[in-house]
Amino acid sequence: MNLTWHIVKKDLRRLRWPLAGWGTLLLLRIGLGVRLKYGAAPDPVLVERLQNFNNLFLTFQLVVAYVLVSVLIHEEPLLGAGAFWRVRPISGGRLLRAKLLGLVAFGLVPEVVSLPWWLTNGLSLRDLAWASLETVGLHAVVILAALLVAVLTDGLPRFLAWTLVLIAATGTFAAITLATTMPSKVKLPLG
């Protein structure tokens, strides 16, 4: 277990600045919430702009988390000629445990950063549980998607390329599904 924690600490130490930047994105979202809650007279245009910025920051935060998962996984490449973890005294199971423990940080950081804001807003214990579950669930979906692509690629460039391919394929599949399931108002002459 000591070697597992050593790998986790090494990964988090190498990612400390990107994780700090990611945490800053979380703090910026909370700053927007503070501006909305404690700002001067609520101007509807300003409120709408701040809500749009909040959505933009959330999207950017999730994209950064997606890429950081790949960086974490590719610290010790699982595939290719650079996978020298196989010749070190690290079993595949131990490396898997270390990487999964490292991924826990992507679920805990948003919780820790958001908890003071939630408490300041007077959320009840039940509301805290739901907010926590929503935050962890959203990040878990992104982390699992990134994990799936990261373990099948051998580096960040291929990870990003396959991500774009999957986005295009998903969009195409959604468009085809929508086009074939929507009832058509145009009647085609038969026969």
Protein backbone atom coordinates (compact mmCIF):
# COMPACT_ATOMS: atom_id res chain seq x y z
CA MET A 1 0.00 0.00 0.00
CA ASN A 2 2.97 2.30 0.63
CA LEU A 3 3.97 2.12 -3.06
CA THR A 4 0.39 2.89 -4.09
CA TRP A 5 0.36 6.06 -1.97
CA HIS A 6 3.77 6.98 -3.35
CA ILE A 7 2.39 6.84 -6.91
CA VAL A 8 -0.69 8.88 -5.89
CA LYS A 9 1.47 11.55 -4.21
CA LYS A 10 3.79 11.66 -7.23
CA ASP A 11 0.85 12.11 -9.61
CA LEU A 12 -0.78 14.82 -7.50
CA ARG A 13 2.56 16.59 -7.01
CA ARG A 14 3.13 16.65 -10.78
CA LEU A 15 -0.40 17.91 -11.36
CA ARG A 16 -0.43 20.46 -8.53
CA TRP A 17 -0.43 23.52 -10.81
CA PRO A 18 -3.06 22.25 -13.25
CA LEU A 19 -5.20 21.14 -10.28
CA ALA A 20 -4.70 24.58 -8.70
CA GLY A 21 -5.85 26.20 -11.95
CA TRP A 22 -8.83 23.90 -12.02
CA GLY A 23 -9.64 24.84 -8.42
CA THR A 24 -9.39 28.49 -9.45
CA LEU A 25 -12.09 27.88 -12.07
CA LEU A 26 -14.27 26.51 -9.29
CA LEU A 27 -13.58 29.59 -7.18
CA LEU A 28 -14.45 31.87 -10.11
CA ARG A 29 -17.86 30.20 -10.35
CA ILE A 30 -18.38 30.81 -6.64
CA GLY A 31 -17.26 34.41 -7.14
CA LEU A 32 -19.99 34.82 -9.75
CA GLY A 33 -22.47 33.45 -7.23
CA VAL A 34 -21.27 35.94 -4.62
CA ARG A 35 -21.66 38.76 -7.15
CA LEU A 36 -25.19 37.60 -7.91
CA LYS A 37 -26.19 37.23 -4.28
CA TYR A 38 -24.51 40.23 -2.69
CA GLY A 39 -24.28 42.59 -5.65
CA ALA A 40 -26.07 45.91 -5.87
CA ALA A 41 -29.54 46.18 -7.34
CA PRO A 42 -30.28 43.05 -9.37
CA ASP A 43 -30.15 44.22 -12.95
CA PRO A 44 -31.85 41.53 -15.10
CA VAL A 45 -29.31 41.93 -17.90
CA LEU A 46 -26.40 41.55 -15.45
CA VAL A 47 -28.03 38.52 -13.82
CA GLU A 48 -28.44 36.87 -17.22
CA ARG A 49 -24.82 37.63 -18.15
CA LEU A 50 -23.53 36.24 -14.86
CA GLN A 51 -25.60 33.09 -15.30
CA ASN A 52 -24.18 32.69 -18.82
CA PHE A 53 -20.65 33.15 -17.45
CA ASN A 54 -21.44 30.57 -14.77
CA ASN A 55 -22.48 28.05 -17.43
CA LEU A 56 -19.37 28.89 -19.46
CA PHE A 57 -17.12 28.38 -16.43
CA LEU A 58 -18.84 25.07 -15.63
CA THR A 59 -18.31 23.84 -19.18
CA PHE A 60 -14.66 24.94 -19.16
CA GLN A 61 -14.17 23.36 -15.72
CA LEU A 62 -15.50 20.03 -16.99
CA VAL A 63 -13.34 20.18 -20.14
CA VAL A 64 -10.25 20.88 -18.02
CA ALA A 65 -11.13 17.97 -15.73
CA TYR A 66 -11.56 15.75 -18.80
CA VAL A 67 -8.08 16.63 -20.08
CA LEU A 68 -6.49 16.36 -16.62
CA VAL A 69 -7.78 12.81 -16.28
CA SER A 70 -5.88 11.94 -19.45
CA VAL A 71 -2.73 13.59 -18.13
CA LEU A 72 -3.04 11.61 -14.90
CA ILE A 73 -3.54 8.32 -16.71
CA HIS A 74 -0.75 8.97 -19.21
CA GLU A 75 1.81 9.66 -16.47
CA GLU A 76 2.51 5.93 -16.70
CA PRO A 77 1.36 4.96 -20.19
CA LEU A 78 -0.58 1.72 -20.28
CA LEU A 79 0.06 1.10 -23.98
CA GLY A 80 2.93 1.46 -26.42
CA ALA A 81 6.71 1.35 -26.25
CA GLY A 82 6.86 3.83 -23.36
CA ALA A 83 4.96 1.56 -20.96
CA PHE A 84 7.97 0.81 -18.79
CA TRP A 85 5.79 0.37 -15.67
CA ARG A 86 5.69 -3.26 -16.74
CA VAL A 87 9.40 -3.69 -16.00
CA ARG A 88 9.17 -1.92 -12.65
CA PRO A 89 8.02 -3.79 -9.55
CA ILE A 90 4.51 -2.35 -9.87
CA SER A 91 1.69 -4.75 -10.54
CA GLY A 92 -1.16 -3.75 -12.82
CA GLY A 93 -3.60 -3.90 -9.91
CA ARG A 94 -1.44 -1.61 -7.77
CA LEU A 95 -1.10 0.90 -10.59
CA LEU A 96 -4.88 0.75 -11.15
CA ARG A 97 -5.53 1.42 -7.45
CA ALA A 98 -3.09 4.34 -7.50
CA LYS A 99 -4.69 5.91 -10.55
CA LEU A 100 -8.21 5.43 -9.18
CA LEU A 101 -7.16 7.04 -5.89
CA GLY A 102 -5.70 9.93 -7.90
CA LEU A 103 -9.01 10.29 -9.72
CA VAL A 104 -10.78 10.69 -6.37
CA ALA A 105 -9.20 14.16 -6.23
CA PHE A 106 -11.34 15.15 -9.21
CA GLY A 107 -14.43 14.32 -7.18
CA LEU A 108 -13.23 15.80 -3.89
CA VAL A 109 -11.83 19.15 -5.06
CA PRO A 110 -15.21 20.49 -6.28
CA GLU A 111 -16.84 19.33 -3.05
CA VAL A 112 -14.24 20.96 -0.80
CA VAL A 113 -14.26 24.21 -2.78
CA SER A 114 -18.07 24.40 -2.93
CA LEU A 115 -18.82 23.40 0.68
CA PRO A 116 -18.23 26.88 2.23
CA TRP A 117 -20.47 28.46 -0.41
CA TRP A 118 -23.19 25.91 0.24
CA LEU A 119 -22.96 26.47 3.99
CA THR A 120 -22.99 30.26 3.54
CA ASN A 121 -26.23 29.96 1.59
CA GLY A 122 -27.81 28.04 4.44
CA LEU A 123 -28.33 24.71 2.72
CA SER A 124 -29.91 22.10 4.96
CA LEU A 125 -28.25 18.73 5.45
CA ARG A 126 -30.57 17.22 2.84
CA ASP A 127 -29.82 20.03 0.36
CA LEU A 128 -26.09 19.58 1.02
CA ALA A 129 -26.41 15.89 0.24
CA TRP A 130 -28.25 16.57 -3.02
CA ALA A 131 -25.82 19.31 -4.09
CA SER A 132 -22.91 17.02 -3.27
CA LEU A 133 -24.47 14.13 -5.16
CA GLU A 134 -25.18 16.33 -8.17
CA THR A 135 -21.62 17.69 -8.21
CA VAL A 136 -20.01 14.27 -7.81
CA GLY A 137 -22.36 12.74 -10.39
CA LEU A 138 -21.61 15.38 -13.01
CA HIS A 139 -17.87 15.06 -12.48
CA ALA A 140 -18.09 11.25 -12.38
CA VAL A 141 -19.67 11.17 -15.84
CA VAL A 142 -16.90 13.36 -17.25
CA ILE A 143 -14.16 11.43 -15.43
CA LEU A 144 -15.45 8.04 -16.56
CA ALA A 145 -15.74 9.21 -20.17
CA ALA A 146 -12.19 10.58 -20.04
CA LEU A 147 -10.95 7.42 -18.34
CA LEU A 148 -12.44 5.26 -21.08
CA VAL A 149 -10.71 7.21 -23.83
CA ALA A 150 -7.45 7.64 -21.87
CA VAL A 151 -6.89 3.94 -21.22
CA LEU A 152 -7.39 3.19 -24.92
CA THR A 153 -4.88 5.79 -26.14
CA ASP A 154 -1.15 6.14 -25.64
CA GLY A 155 -0.79 9.90 -25.24
CA LEU A 156 -2.52 13.27 -25.05
CA PRO A 157 -2.55 13.95 -28.83
CA ARG A 158 -4.36 10.69 -29.59
CA PHE A 159 -6.62 11.21 -26.60
CA LEU A 160 -7.70 14.60 -27.98
CA ALA A 161 -8.05 13.25 -31.53
CA TRP A 162 -10.25 10.35 -30.42
CA THR A 163 -12.27 12.71 -28.25
CA LEU A 164 -13.04 14.83 -31.32
CA VAL A 165 -13.93 11.69 -33.29
CA LEU A 166 -16.29 10.55 -30.51
CA ILE A 167 -17.91 13.98 -30.29
CA ALA A 168 -18.46 14.03 -34.06
CA ALA A 169 -19.80 10.47 -34.05
CA THR A 170 -22.14 11.20 -31.14
CA GLY A 171 -23.43 14.34 -32.84
CA THR A 172 -23.97 12.49 -36.10
CA PHE A 173 -25.73 9.62 -34.35
CA ALA A 174 -27.97 12.06 -32.46
CA ALA A 175 -28.84 13.94 -35.65
CA ILE A 176 -29.66 10.72 -37.51
CA THR A 177 -31.73 9.43 -34.61
CA LEU A 178 -33.64 12.70 -34.37
CA ALA A 179 -34.23 12.81 -38.11
CA THR A 180 -35.56 9.26 -38.26
CA THR A 181 -37.75 9.39 -35.15
CA MET A 182 -39.46 12.73 -35.73
CA PRO A 183 -42.77 12.47 -37.54
CA SER A 184 -42.62 14.05 -40.93
CA LYS A 185 -45.30 16.55 -41.94
CA VAL A 186 -44.59 15.99 -45.61
CA LYS A 187 -46.64 13.20 -47.16
CA LEU A 188 -44.82 11.31 -49.84
CA PRO A 189 -46.89 9.91 -52.73
CA LEU A 190 -46.89 6.18 -52.63
CA GLY A 191 -47.04 4.10 -55.75
